[in-house]
Each structure stands twice: as structure tokens, then as C-alpha cells.
């Protein structure tokens, strides 16, 4: 199964113009020991119309899934709501967020237990 072709096919069916219209730069951080978990979460987001601009692995010991956003105006973002609900994440404002991203989704050990199977 060619994953790239599947992603291209799926993204045309499920892409949300609402998410693309927000024009947010989203980073996915895998803080777990499961290789590829960040890439899998990134594919879900990208196929839904979210612009994922980076996927990284950082062993920072996060326990659960967390969505951090840099600007208080993003609290009502559809992307933020979707990511928080879909991945069961806590949400927090972080004005010190990496300036490459408007929003970071940090995948922790509890997320790993739920979604790594």
C-alpha cells in the first residue's frame, strides 16, 4: 500500500476549507518513545486540511496530549478545537511558543497508550 498515494486520495475528500482558511502553522511534537507517532498524527491533521509545517521528536516527558497556542486570539480557532477534540488534548496558551508555529500539538505518554496500537 503506497501511503503517499492514499494520503493524496483521502486529502481531497476530507480537507476542510475552514481549517485552510485559518492559515495557521501547526507543529506536531512527539514526546514519546513510539517512533512515527508524530507522523501519524500529522497525516490526520494534513488530510483534514490543517497546515502542518513541522513534525519533531523531543523527549520532554509530557504525560498527556496538549495543544499550545501562541496568541490569545487563537482560542476560538477551529483547528485548535478539532485537534483538542480529535486527539483528546488539554489546551493552553503559551506566549513563548516556538516562533515557527502558531500552534503546537504535543503528544505525550497517555496519548501514546491510546493511539499507538
PDB file of N, CA and C in Angstrom:
ATOM      1  N   UNK A   1       0.849  -1.182   0.000  1.00  0.00           N
ATOM      2  CA  UNK A   1       0.000   0.000   0.000  1.00  0.00           C
ATOM      3  C   UNK A   1       0.893   1.243   0.000  1.00  0.00           C
ATOM      4  N   UNK A   2       0.747   2.087  -0.979  1.00  0.00           N
ATOM      5  CA  UNK A   2       1.540   3.308  -1.104  1.00  0.00           C
ATOM      6  C   UNK A   2       0.877   4.421  -0.294  1.00  0.00           C
ATOM      7  N   UNK A   3       1.443   4.705   0.876  1.00  0.00           N
ATOM      8  CA  UNK A   3       0.839   5.655   1.812  1.00  0.00           C
ATOM      9  C   UNK A   3       0.709   7.052   1.211  1.00  0.00           C
ATOM     10  N   UNK A   4       1.668   7.465   0.408  1.00  0.00           N
ATOM     11  CA  UNK A   4       1.620   8.796  -0.198  1.00  0.00           C
ATOM     12  C   UNK A   4       0.421   8.934  -1.130  1.00  0.00           C
ATOM     13  N   UNK A   5       0.162   7.905  -1.940  1.00  0.00           N
ATOM     14  CA  UNK A   5      -0.990   7.949  -2.841  1.00  0.00           C
ATOM     15  C   UNK A   5      -2.306   7.906  -2.079  1.00  0.00           C
ATOM     16  N   UNK A   6      -2.340   7.128  -1.009  1.00  0.00           N
ATOM     17  CA  UNK A   6      -3.542   7.072  -0.176  1.00  0.00           C
ATOM     18  C   UNK A   6      -3.810   8.448   0.427  1.00  0.00           C
ATOM     19  N   UNK A   7      -2.762   9.103   0.936  1.00  0.00           N
ATOM     20  CA  UNK A   7      -2.924  10.438   1.516  1.00  0.00           C
ATOM     21  C   UNK A   7      -3.451  11.427   0.486  1.00  0.00           C
ATOM     22  N   UNK A   8      -2.912  11.381  -0.738  1.00  0.00           N
ATOM     23  CA  UNK A   8      -3.379  12.285  -1.791  1.00  0.00           C
ATOM     24  C   UNK A   8      -4.859  12.057  -2.094  1.00  0.00           C
ATOM     25  N   UNK A   9      -5.254  10.803  -2.164  1.00  0.00           N
ATOM     26  CA  UNK A   9      -6.643  10.456  -2.446  1.00  0.00           C
ATOM     27  C   UNK A   9      -7.559  10.923  -1.326  1.00  0.00           C
ATOM     28  N   UNK A  10      -7.181  10.631  -0.093  1.00  0.00           N
ATOM     29  CA  UNK A  10      -8.002  10.971   1.062  1.00  0.00           C
ATOM     30  C   UNK A  10      -8.086  12.475   1.269  1.00  0.00           C
ATOM     31  N   UNK A  11      -6.967  13.179   1.092  1.00  0.00           N
ATOM     32  CA  UNK A  11      -6.965  14.606   1.403  1.00  0.00           C
ATOM     33  C   UNK A  11      -7.963  15.373   0.548  1.00  0.00           C
ATOM     34  N   UNK A  12      -8.197  14.941  -0.657  1.00  0.00           N
ATOM     35  CA  UNK A  12      -9.177  15.602  -1.499  1.00  0.00           C
ATOM     36  C   UNK A  12     -10.597  15.411  -1.010  1.00  0.00           C
ATOM     37  N   UNK A  13     -10.847  14.323  -0.306  1.00  0.00           N
ATOM     38  CA  UNK A  13     -12.192  14.012   0.182  1.00  0.00           C
ATOM     39  C   UNK A  13     -12.510  14.655   1.524  1.00  0.00           C
ATOM     40  N   UNK A  14     -11.513  14.800   2.380  1.00  0.00           N
ATOM     41  CA  UNK A  14     -11.777  15.207   3.756  1.00  0.00           C
ATOM     42  C   UNK A  14     -11.235  16.582   4.126  1.00  0.00           C
ATOM     43  N   UNK A  15     -10.545  17.222   3.226  1.00  0.00           N
ATOM     44  CA  UNK A  15      -9.956  18.526   3.527  1.00  0.00           C
ATOM     45  C   UNK A  15     -11.036  19.550   3.850  1.00  0.00           C
ATOM     46  N   UNK A  16     -10.817  20.253   4.931  1.00  0.00           N
ATOM     47  CA  UNK A  16     -11.762  21.292   5.344  1.00  0.00           C
ATOM     48  C   UNK A  16     -11.221  22.659   4.939  1.00  0.00           C
ATOM     49  N   UNK A  17     -11.970  23.373   4.118  1.00  0.00           N
ATOM     50  CA  UNK A  17     -11.600  24.731   3.743  1.00  0.00           C
ATOM     51  C   UNK A  17     -11.585  25.661   4.940  1.00  0.00           C
ATOM     52  N   UNK A  18     -12.367  25.333   5.954  1.00  0.00           N
ATOM     53  CA  UNK A  18     -12.396  26.137   7.180  1.00  0.00           C
ATOM     54  C   UNK A  18     -11.014  26.136   7.829  1.00  0.00           C
ATOM     55  N   UNK A  19     -10.391  24.964   7.903  1.00  0.00           N
ATOM     56  CA  UNK A  19      -9.068  24.862   8.515  1.00  0.00           C
ATOM     57  C   UNK A  19      -8.029  25.601   7.679  1.00  0.00           C
ATOM     58  N   UNK A  20      -8.076  25.404   6.371  1.00  0.00           N
ATOM     59  CA  UNK A  20      -7.110  26.070   5.480  1.00  0.00           C
ATOM     60  C   UNK A  20      -7.271  27.593   5.565  1.00  0.00           C
ATOM     61  N   UNK A  21      -8.511  28.046   5.714  1.00  0.00           N
ATOM     62  CA  UNK A  21      -8.777  29.479   5.786  1.00  0.00           C
ATOM     63  C   UNK A  21      -8.192  30.150   7.020  1.00  0.00           C
ATOM     64  N   UNK A  22      -7.936  29.395   8.072  1.00  0.00           N
ATOM     65  CA  UNK A  22      -7.335  29.969   9.269  1.00  0.00           C
ATOM     66  C   UNK A  22      -5.847  30.260   9.079  1.00  0.00           C
ATOM     67  N   UNK A  23      -5.247  29.604   8.109  1.00  0.00           N
ATOM     68  CA  UNK A  23      -3.861  29.880   7.734  1.00  0.00           C
ATOM     69  C   UNK A  23      -2.911  29.808   8.933  1.00  0.00           C
ATOM     70  N   UNK A  24      -3.024  28.749   9.719  1.00  0.00           N
ATOM     71  CA  UNK A  24      -2.179  28.555  10.895  1.00  0.00           C
ATOM     72  C   UNK A  24      -1.023  27.612  10.588  1.00  0.00           C
ATOM     73  N   UNK A  25       0.107  27.881  11.206  1.00  0.00           N
ATOM     74  CA  UNK A  25       1.272  26.999  11.096  1.00  0.00           C
ATOM     75  C   UNK A  25       1.271  26.100  12.335  1.00  0.00           C
ATOM     76  N   UNK A  26       1.102  24.800  12.103  1.00  0.00           N
ATOM     77  CA  UNK A  26       0.971  23.850  13.205  1.00  0.00           C
ATOM     78  C   UNK A  26       2.189  22.938  13.244  1.00  0.00           C
ATOM     79  N   UNK A  27       2.715  22.741  14.450  1.00  0.00           N
ATOM     80  CA  UNK A  27       3.796  21.791  14.669  1.00  0.00           C
ATOM     81  C   UNK A  27       3.294  20.627  15.497  1.00  0.00           C
ATOM     82  N   UNK A  28       3.794  19.438  15.198  1.00  0.00           N
ATOM     83  CA  UNK A  28       3.450  18.246  15.974  1.00  0.00           C
ATOM     84  C   UNK A  28       4.733  17.768  16.649  1.00  0.00           C
ATOM     85  N   UNK A  29       4.676  17.628  17.961  1.00  0.00           N
ATOM     86  CA  UNK A  29       5.833  17.202  18.745  1.00  0.00           C
ATOM     87  C   UNK A  29       5.527  15.838  19.366  1.00  0.00           C
ATOM     88  N   UNK A  30       6.327  14.851  19.019  1.00  0.00           N
ATOM     89  CA  UNK A  30       6.197  13.525  19.615  1.00  0.00           C
ATOM     90  C   UNK A  30       7.149  13.472  20.803  1.00  0.00           C
ATOM     91  N   UNK A  31       6.601  13.499  22.004  1.00  0.00           N
ATOM     92  CA  UNK A  31       7.445  13.435  23.203  1.00  0.00           C
ATOM     93  C   UNK A  31       7.473  12.021  23.780  1.00  0.00           C
ATOM     94  N   UNK A  32       7.073  11.044  22.979  1.00  0.00           N
ATOM     95  CA  UNK A  32       7.002   9.653  23.433  1.00  0.00           C
ATOM     96  C   UNK A  32       8.167   8.831  22.876  1.00  0.00           C
ATOM     97  N   UNK A  33       8.168   7.564  23.211  1.00  0.00           N
ATOM     98  CA  UNK A  33       9.194   6.643  22.712  1.00  0.00           C
ATOM     99  C   UNK A  33       8.713   5.857  21.492  1.00  0.00           C
ATOM    100  N   UNK A  34       7.504   6.132  21.018  1.00  0.00           N
ATOM    101  CA  UNK A  34       6.953   5.426  19.861  1.00  0.00           C
ATOM    102  C   UNK A  34       7.346   6.156  18.582  1.00  0.00           C
ATOM    103  N   UNK A  35       8.206   5.528  17.805  1.00  0.00           N
ATOM    104  CA  UNK A  35       8.623   6.114  16.529  1.00  0.00           C
ATOM    105  C   UNK A  35       7.433   6.239  15.583  1.00  0.00           C
ATOM    106  N   UNK A  36       7.347   7.364  14.888  1.00  0.00           N
ATOM    107  CA  UNK A  36       6.316   7.554  13.871  1.00  0.00           C
ATOM    108  C   UNK A  36       4.991   8.066  14.379  1.00  0.00           C
ATOM    109  N   UNK A  37       4.835   8.200  15.685  1.00  0.00           N
ATOM    110  CA  UNK A  37       3.554   8.657  16.236  1.00  0.00           C
ATOM    111  C   UNK A  37       3.240  10.087  15.787  1.00  0.00           C
ATOM    112  N   UNK A  38       4.240  10.936  15.764  1.00  0.00           N
ATOM    113  CA  UNK A  38       4.047  12.308  15.297  1.00  0.00           C
ATOM    114  C   UNK A  38       3.654  12.364  13.837  1.00  0.00           C
ATOM    115  N   UNK A  39       4.268  11.515  13.025  1.00  0.00           N
ATOM    116  CA  UNK A  39       3.928  11.485  11.594  1.00  0.00           C
ATOM    117  C   UNK A  39       2.500  11.012  11.372  1.00  0.00           C
ATOM    118  N   UNK A  40       2.055  10.043  12.161  1.00  0.00           N
ATOM    119  CA  UNK A  40       0.666   9.576  12.017  1.00  0.00           C
ATOM    120  C   UNK A  40      -0.323  10.677  12.395  1.00  0.00           C
ATOM    121  N   UNK A  41      -0.049  11.382  13.484  1.00  0.00           N
ATOM    122  CA  UNK A  41      -0.928  12.492  13.894  1.00  0.00           C
ATOM    123  C   UNK A  41      -0.895  13.597  12.835  1.00  0.00           C
ATOM    124  N   UNK A  42       0.280  13.847  12.289  1.00  0.00           N
ATOM    125  CA  UNK A  42       0.434  14.868  11.252  1.00  0.00           C
ATOM    126  C   UNK A  42      -0.391  14.534  10.015  1.00  0.00           C
ATOM    127  N   UNK A  43      -0.415  13.274   9.630  1.00  0.00           N
ATOM    128  CA  UNK A  43      -1.200  12.863   8.461  1.00  0.00           C
ATOM    129  C   UNK A  43      -2.688  13.082   8.685  1.00  0.00           C
ATOM    130  N   UNK A  44      -3.167  12.775   9.882  1.00  0.00           N
ATOM    131  CA  UNK A  44      -4.582  13.011  10.197  1.00  0.00           C
ATOM    132  C   UNK A  44      -4.898  14.486  10.038  1.00  0.00           C
ATOM    133  N   UNK A  45      -4.049  15.327  10.590  1.00  0.00           N
ATOM    134  CA  UNK A  45      -4.266  16.773  10.515  1.00  0.00           C
ATOM    135  C   UNK A  45      -4.188  17.273   9.077  1.00  0.00           C
ATOM    136  N   UNK A  46      -3.139  16.889   8.368  1.00  0.00           N
ATOM    137  CA  UNK A  46      -2.959  17.336   6.979  1.00  0.00           C
ATOM    138  C   UNK A  46      -4.111  16.895   6.091  1.00  0.00           C
ATOM    139  N   UNK A  47      -4.543  15.655   6.267  1.00  0.00           N
ATOM    140  CA  UNK A  47      -5.649  15.138   5.460  1.00  0.00           C
ATOM    141  C   UNK A  47      -6.969  15.813   5.803  1.00  0.00           C
ATOM    142  N   UNK A  48      -7.004  16.520   6.927  1.00  0.00           N
ATOM    143  CA  UNK A  48      -8.202  17.261   7.318  1.00  0.00           C
ATOM    144  C   UNK A  48      -8.141  18.721   6.880  1.00  0.00           C
ATOM    145  N   UNK A  49      -7.004  19.125   6.317  1.00  0.00           N
ATOM    146  CA  UNK A  49      -6.868  20.493   5.832  1.00  0.00           C
ATOM    147  C   UNK A  49      -6.023  21.397   6.703  1.00  0.00           C
ATOM    148  N   UNK A  50      -5.409  20.852   7.738  1.00  0.00           N
ATOM    149  CA  UNK A  50      -4.558  21.642   8.628  1.00  0.00           C
ATOM    150  C   UNK A  50      -3.160  21.725   8.023  1.00  0.00           C
ATOM    151  N   UNK A  51      -2.555  22.907   8.068  1.00  0.00           N
ATOM    152  CA  UNK A  51      -1.203  23.075   7.536  1.00  0.00           C
ATOM    153  C   UNK A  51      -0.176  22.721   8.608  1.00  0.00           C
ATOM    154  N   UNK A  52       0.360  21.500   8.518  1.00  0.00           N
ATOM    155  CA  UNK A  52       1.404  21.055   9.445  1.00  0.00           C
ATOM    156  C   UNK A  52       2.744  21.434   8.830  1.00  0.00           C
ATOM    157  N   UNK A  53       3.503  22.269   9.527  1.00  0.00           N
ATOM    158  CA  UNK A  53       4.774  22.755   8.987  1.00  0.00           C
ATOM    159  C   UNK A  53       5.985  22.095   9.634  1.00  0.00           C
ATOM    160  N   UNK A  54       5.751  21.241  10.622  1.00  0.00           N
ATOM    161  CA  UNK A  54       6.871  20.542  11.239  1.00  0.00           C
ATOM    162  C   UNK A  54       6.417  19.408  12.125  1.00  0.00           C
ATOM    163  N   UNK A  55       7.200  18.323  12.102  1.00  0.00           N
ATOM    164  CA  UNK A  55       6.990  17.186  12.992  1.00  0.00           C
ATOM    165  C   UNK A  55       8.343  16.890  13.628  1.00  0.00           C
ATOM    166  N   UNK A  56       8.371  16.857  14.945  1.00  0.00           N
ATOM    167  CA  UNK A  56       9.622  16.653  15.659  1.00  0.00           C
ATOM    168  C   UNK A  56       9.452  15.627  16.766  1.00  0.00           C
ATOM    169  N   UNK A  57      10.570  15.060  17.181  1.00  0.00           N
ATOM    170  CA  UNK A  57      10.597  14.186  18.345  1.00  0.00           C
ATOM    171  C   UNK A  57      11.463  14.857  19.394  1.00  0.00           C
ATOM    172  N   UNK A  58      10.873  15.086  20.561  1.00  0.00           N
ATOM    173  CA  UNK A  58      11.588  15.692  21.689  1.00  0.00           C
ATOM    174  C   UNK A  58      11.206  14.926  22.954  1.00  0.00           C
ATOM    175  N   UNK A  59      12.154  14.256  23.574  1.00  0.00           N
ATOM    176  CA  UNK A  59      11.837  13.508  24.804  1.00  0.00           C
ATOM    177  C   UNK A  59      11.679  14.448  26.000  1.00  0.00           C
ATOM    178  N   UNK A  60      10.572  15.180  26.019  1.00  0.00           N
ATOM    179  CA  UNK A  60      10.366  16.176  27.072  1.00  0.00           C
ATOM    180  C   UNK A  60       9.488  15.673  28.212  1.00  0.00           C
ATOM    181  N   UNK A  61       9.049  14.421  28.126  1.00  0.00           N
ATOM    182  CA  UNK A  61       8.331  13.808  29.231  1.00  0.00           C
ATOM    183  C   UNK A  61       6.913  14.286  29.454  1.00  0.00           C
ATOM    184  N   UNK A  62       6.261  14.753  28.425  1.00  0.00           N
ATOM    185  CA  UNK A  62       4.875  15.173  28.540  1.00  0.00           C
ATOM    186  C   UNK A  62       4.010  13.947  28.840  1.00  0.00           C
ATOM    187  N   UNK A  63       3.060  14.096  29.744  1.00  0.00           N
ATOM    188  CA  UNK A  63       2.229  12.965  30.133  1.00  0.00           C
ATOM    189  C   UNK A  63       1.068  12.765  29.176  1.00  0.00           C
ATOM    190  N   UNK A  64       0.324  13.790  28.882  1.00  0.00           N
ATOM    191  CA  UNK A  64      -0.859  13.645  28.041  1.00  0.00           C
ATOM    192  C   UNK A  64      -0.685  14.484  26.791  1.00  0.00           C
ATOM    193  N   UNK A  65      -1.687  14.519  25.974  1.00  0.00           N
ATOM    194  CA  UNK A  65      -1.668  15.337  24.767  1.00  0.00           C
ATOM    195  C   UNK A  65      -2.001  16.770  25.158  1.00  0.00           C
ATOM    196  N   UNK A  66      -1.272  17.698  24.560  1.00  0.00           N
ATOM    197  CA  UNK A  66      -1.505  19.100  24.859  1.00  0.00           C
ATOM    198  C   UNK A  66      -1.426  19.921  23.580  1.00  0.00           C
ATOM    199  N   UNK A  67      -2.380  20.826  23.408  1.00  0.00           N
ATOM    200  CA  UNK A  67      -2.330  21.792  22.311  1.00  0.00           C
ATOM    201  C   UNK A  67      -1.967  23.130  22.933  1.00  0.00           C
ATOM    202  N   UNK A  68      -0.864  23.698  22.453  1.00  0.00           N
ATOM    203  CA  UNK A  68      -0.450  25.011  22.924  1.00  0.00           C
ATOM    204  C   UNK A  68      -0.572  25.994  21.770  1.00  0.00           C
ATOM    205  N   UNK A  69      -1.032  27.200  22.085  1.00  0.00           N
ATOM    206  CA  UNK A  69      -1.167  28.219  21.057  1.00  0.00           C
ATOM    207  C   UNK A  69      -0.510  29.498  21.549  1.00  0.00           C
ATOM    208  N   UNK A  70      -0.046  30.313  20.605  1.00  0.00           N
ATOM    209  CA  UNK A  70       0.797  31.455  20.955  1.00  0.00           C
ATOM    210  C   UNK A  70       0.055  32.776  21.127  1.00  0.00           C
ATOM    211  N   UNK A  71      -1.105  32.892  20.534  1.00  0.00           N
ATOM    212  CA  UNK A  71      -1.827  34.160  20.517  1.00  0.00           C
ATOM    213  C   UNK A  71      -3.215  33.965  21.126  1.00  0.00           C
ATOM    214  N   UNK A  72      -3.606  34.785  22.107  1.00  0.00           N
ATOM    215  CA  UNK A  72      -4.932  34.618  22.717  1.00  0.00           C
ATOM    216  C   UNK A  72      -6.085  34.613  21.714  1.00  0.00           C
ATOM    217  N   UNK A  73      -5.907  35.261  20.572  1.00  0.00           N
ATOM    218  CA  UNK A  73      -6.954  35.291  19.549  1.00  0.00           C
ATOM    219  C   UNK A  73      -7.226  33.902  18.966  1.00  0.00           C
ATOM    220  N   UNK A  74      -6.282  32.986  19.115  1.00  0.00           N
ATOM    221  CA  UNK A  74      -6.446  31.635  18.549  1.00  0.00           C
ATOM    222  C   UNK A  74      -7.303  30.718  19.416  1.00  0.00           C
ATOM    223  N   UNK A  75      -7.710  31.192  20.581  1.00  0.00           N
ATOM    224  CA  UNK A  75      -8.509  30.353  21.487  1.00  0.00           C
ATOM    225  C   UNK A  75      -9.784  29.850  20.820  1.00  0.00           C
ATOM    226  N   UNK A  76     -10.343  30.620  19.894  1.00  0.00           N
ATOM    227  CA  UNK A  76     -11.576  30.218  19.212  1.00  0.00           C
ATOM    228  C   UNK A  76     -11.313  29.554  17.856  1.00  0.00           C
ATOM    229  N   UNK A  77     -10.074  29.190  17.588  1.00  0.00           N
ATOM    230  CA  UNK A  77      -9.694  28.572  16.318  1.00  0.00           C
ATOM    231  C   UNK A  77     -10.383  27.219  16.112  1.00  0.00           C
ATOM    232  N   UNK A  78     -10.857  26.991  14.897  1.00  0.00           N
ATOM    233  CA  UNK A  78     -11.456  25.697  14.542  1.00  0.00           C
ATOM    234  C   UNK A  78     -10.395  24.600  14.544  1.00  0.00           C
ATOM    235  N   UNK A  79      -9.173  24.941  14.118  1.00  0.00           N
ATOM    236  CA  UNK A  79      -8.076  23.962  14.131  1.00  0.00           C
ATOM    237  C   UNK A  79      -7.790  23.534  15.565  1.00  0.00           C
ATOM    238  N   UNK A  80      -7.709  24.492  16.475  1.00  0.00           N
ATOM    239  CA  UNK A  80      -7.459  24.184  17.879  1.00  0.00           C
ATOM    240  C   UNK A  80      -8.557  23.282  18.435  1.00  0.00           C
ATOM    241  N   UNK A  81      -9.795  23.636  18.169  1.00  0.00           N
ATOM    242  CA  UNK A  81     -10.930  22.828  18.660  1.00  0.00           C
ATOM    243  C   UNK A  81     -10.894  21.416  18.096  1.00  0.00           C
ATOM    244  N   UNK A  82     -10.620  21.309  16.795  1.00  0.00           N
ATOM    245  CA  UNK A  82     -10.565  19.998  16.150  1.00  0.00           C
ATOM    246  C   UNK A  82      -9.460  19.137  16.755  1.00  0.00           C
ATOM    247  N   UNK A  83      -8.246  19.693  16.861  1.00  0.00           N
ATOM    248  CA  UNK A  83      -7.116  18.923  17.389  1.00  0.00           C
ATOM    249  C   UNK A  83      -7.361  18.510  18.835  1.00  0.00           C
ATOM    250  N   UNK A  84      -7.860  19.425  19.643  1.00  0.00           N
ATOM    251  CA  UNK A  84      -8.110  19.121  21.052  1.00  0.00           C
ATOM    252  C   UNK A  84      -9.147  18.013  21.200  1.00  0.00           C
ATOM    253  N   UNK A  85     -10.197  18.082  20.395  1.00  0.00           N
ATOM    254  CA  UNK A  85     -11.249  17.067  20.489  1.00  0.00           C
ATOM    255  C   UNK A  85     -10.808  15.732  19.879  1.00  0.00           C
ATOM    256  N   UNK A  86     -10.242  15.776  18.684  1.00  0.00           N
ATOM    257  CA  UNK A  86      -9.877  14.539  17.989  1.00  0.00           C
ATOM    258  C   UNK A  86      -8.832  13.741  18.756  1.00  0.00           C
ATOM    259  N   UNK A  87      -7.814  14.448  19.284  1.00  0.00           N
ATOM    260  CA  UNK A  87      -6.727  13.766  19.976  1.00  0.00           C
ATOM    261  C   UNK A  87      -6.894  13.751  21.493  1.00  0.00           C
ATOM    262  N   UNK A  88      -8.010  14.280  22.008  1.00  0.00           N
ATOM    263  CA  UNK A  88      -8.280  14.348  23.458  1.00  0.00           C
ATOM    264  C   UNK A  88      -7.175  15.095  24.193  1.00  0.00           C
ATOM    265  N   UNK A  89      -6.875  16.307  23.739  1.00  0.00           N
ATOM    266  CA  UNK A  89      -5.787  17.105  24.296  1.00  0.00           C
ATOM    267  C   UNK A  89      -6.286  18.180  25.259  1.00  0.00           C
ATOM    268  N   UNK A  90      -5.425  18.522  26.193  1.00  0.00           N
ATOM    269  CA  UNK A  90      -5.617  19.718  27.004  1.00  0.00           C
ATOM    270  C   UNK A  90      -5.173  20.908  26.151  1.00  0.00           C
ATOM    271  N   UNK A  91      -5.694  22.078  26.434  1.00  0.00           N
ATOM    272  CA  UNK A  91      -5.369  23.277  25.666  1.00  0.00           C
ATOM    273  C   UNK A  91      -4.785  24.330  26.605  1.00  0.00           C
ATOM    274  N   UNK A  92      -3.701  24.996  26.141  1.00  0.00           N
ATOM    275  CA  UNK A  92      -3.124  26.066  26.959  1.00  0.00           C
ATOM    276  C   UNK A  92      -2.479  27.137  26.093  1.00  0.00           C
ATOM    277  N   UNK A  93      -2.528  28.355  26.602  1.00  0.00           N
ATOM    278  CA  UNK A  93      -1.865  29.486  25.964  1.00  0.00           C
ATOM    279  C   UNK A  93      -0.393  29.456  26.363  1.00  0.00           C
ATOM    280  N   UNK A  94       0.487  29.609  25.377  1.00  0.00           N
ATOM    281  CA  UNK A  94       1.922  29.648  25.629  1.00  0.00           C
ATOM    282  C   UNK A  94       2.538  30.751  24.768  1.00  0.00           C
ATOM    283  N   UNK A  95       2.633  31.969  25.297  1.00  0.00           N
ATOM    284  CA  UNK A  95       3.191  33.074  24.514  1.00  0.00           C
ATOM    285  C   UNK A  95       4.654  32.846  24.116  1.00  0.00           C
ATOM    286  N   UNK A  96       5.335  31.902  24.773  1.00  0.00           N
ATOM    287  CA  UNK A  96       6.739  31.611  24.487  1.00  0.00           C
ATOM    288  C   UNK A  96       6.901  30.486  23.465  1.00  0.00           C
ATOM    289  N   UNK A  97       5.836  30.144  22.784  1.00  0.00           N
ATOM    290  CA  UNK A  97       5.863  29.052  21.813  1.00  0.00           C
ATOM    291  C   UNK A  97       6.901  29.306  20.726  1.00  0.00           C
ATOM    292  N   UNK A  98       7.502  28.245  20.236  1.00  0.00           N
ATOM    293  CA  UNK A  98       8.464  28.306  19.130  1.00  0.00           C
ATOM    294  C   UNK A  98       7.879  29.179  18.030  1.00  0.00           C
ATOM    295  N   UNK A  99       8.606  30.177  17.560  1.00  0.00           N
ATOM    296  CA  UNK A  99       8.034  31.134  16.608  1.00  0.00           C
ATOM    297  C   UNK A  99       7.812  30.567  15.205  1.00  0.00           C
ATOM    298  N   UNK A 100       8.223  29.335  14.990  1.00  0.00           N
ATOM    299  CA  UNK A 100       7.919  28.692  13.700  1.00  0.00           C
ATOM    300  C   UNK A 100       6.456  28.268  13.623  1.00  0.00           C
ATOM    301  N   UNK A 101       5.810  28.166  14.775  1.00  0.00           N
ATOM    302  CA  UNK A 101       4.454  27.637  14.851  1.00  0.00           C
ATOM    303  C   UNK A 101       3.507  28.636  15.501  1.00  0.00           C
ATOM    304  N   UNK A 102       2.250  28.606  15.045  1.00  0.00           N
ATOM    305  CA  UNK A 102       1.177  29.315  15.738  1.00  0.00           C
ATOM    306  C   UNK A 102       0.579  28.419  16.810  1.00  0.00           C
ATOM    307  N   UNK A 103       0.738  27.115  16.597  1.00  0.00           N
ATOM    308  CA  UNK A 103       0.141  26.127  17.476  1.00  0.00           C
ATOM    309  C   UNK A 103       1.015  24.873  17.472  1.00  0.00           C
ATOM    310  N   UNK A 104       1.189  24.265  18.646  1.00  0.00           N
ATOM    311  CA  UNK A 104       1.916  23.003  18.758  1.00  0.00           C
ATOM    312  C   UNK A 104       1.001  21.956  19.372  1.00  0.00           C
ATOM    313  N   UNK A 105       1.061  20.774  18.827  1.00  0.00           N
ATOM    314  CA  UNK A 105       0.353  19.639  19.408  1.00  0.00           C
ATOM    315  C   UNK A 105       1.427  18.713  19.949  1.00  0.00           C
ATOM    316  N   UNK A 106       1.458  18.568  21.269  1.00  0.00           N
ATOM    317  CA  UNK A 106       2.485  17.765  21.932  1.00  0.00           C
ATOM    318  C   UNK A 106       1.861  16.444  22.353  1.00  0.00           C
ATOM    319  N   UNK A 107       2.391  15.376  21.793  1.00  0.00           N
ATOM    320  CA  UNK A 107       1.873  14.031  22.059  1.00  0.00           C
ATOM    321  C   UNK A 107       2.656  13.411  23.206  1.00  0.00           C
ATOM    322  N   UNK A 108       1.957  13.077  24.296  1.00  0.00           N
ATOM    323  CA  UNK A 108       2.600  12.529  25.486  1.00  0.00           C
ATOM    324  C   UNK A 108       2.310  11.056  25.689  1.00  0.00           C
ATOM    325  N   UNK A 109       2.746  10.552  26.836  1.00  0.00           N
ATOM    326  CA  UNK A 109       2.664   9.116  27.116  1.00  0.00           C
ATOM    327  C   UNK A 109       1.232   8.587  27.190  1.00  0.00           C
ATOM    328  N   UNK A 110       0.302   9.371  27.712  1.00  0.00           N
ATOM    329  CA  UNK A 110      -1.092   8.915  27.748  1.00  0.00           C
ATOM    330  C   UNK A 110      -1.652   8.820  26.328  1.00  0.00           C
ATOM    331  N   UNK A 111      -1.300   9.783  25.485  1.00  0.00           N
ATOM    332  CA  UNK A 111      -1.690   9.738  24.081  1.00  0.00           C
ATOM    333  C   UNK A 111      -1.093   8.501  23.421  1.00  0.00           C
ATOM    334  N   UNK A 112       0.163   8.225  23.741  1.00  0.00           N
ATOM    335  CA  UNK A 112       0.861   7.058  23.181  1.00  0.00           C
ATOM    336  C   UNK A 112       0.098   5.759  23.510  1.00  0.00           C
ATOM    337  N   UNK A 113      -0.360   5.647  24.742  1.00  0.00           N
ATOM    338  CA  UNK A 113      -1.092   4.444  25.154  1.00  0.00           C
ATOM    339  C   UNK A 113      -2.402   4.293  24.401  1.00  0.00           C
ATOM    340  N   UNK A 114      -3.071   5.409  24.124  1.00  0.00           N
ATOM    341  CA  UNK A 114      -4.369   5.373  23.438  1.00  0.00           C
ATOM    342  C   UNK A 114      -4.250   5.124  21.947  1.00  0.00           C
ATOM    343  N   UNK A 115      -3.231   5.722  21.299  1.00  0.00           N
ATOM    344  CA  UNK A 115      -3.199   5.770  19.855  1.00  0.00           C
ATOM    345  C   UNK A 115      -2.046   5.037  19.177  1.00  0.00           C
ATOM    346  N   UNK A 116      -1.170   4.391  19.919  1.00  0.00           N
ATOM    347  CA  UNK A 116      -0.019   3.760  19.275  1.00  0.00           C
ATOM    348  C   UNK A 116      -0.306   2.359  18.773  1.00  0.00           C
ATOM    349  N   UNK A 117      -1.439   1.841  19.020  1.00  0.00           N
ATOM    350  CA  UNK A 117      -1.784   0.474  18.596  1.00  0.00           C
ATOM    351  C   UNK A 117      -2.102   0.415  17.126  1.00  0.00           C
TER     352      UNK A 117
END
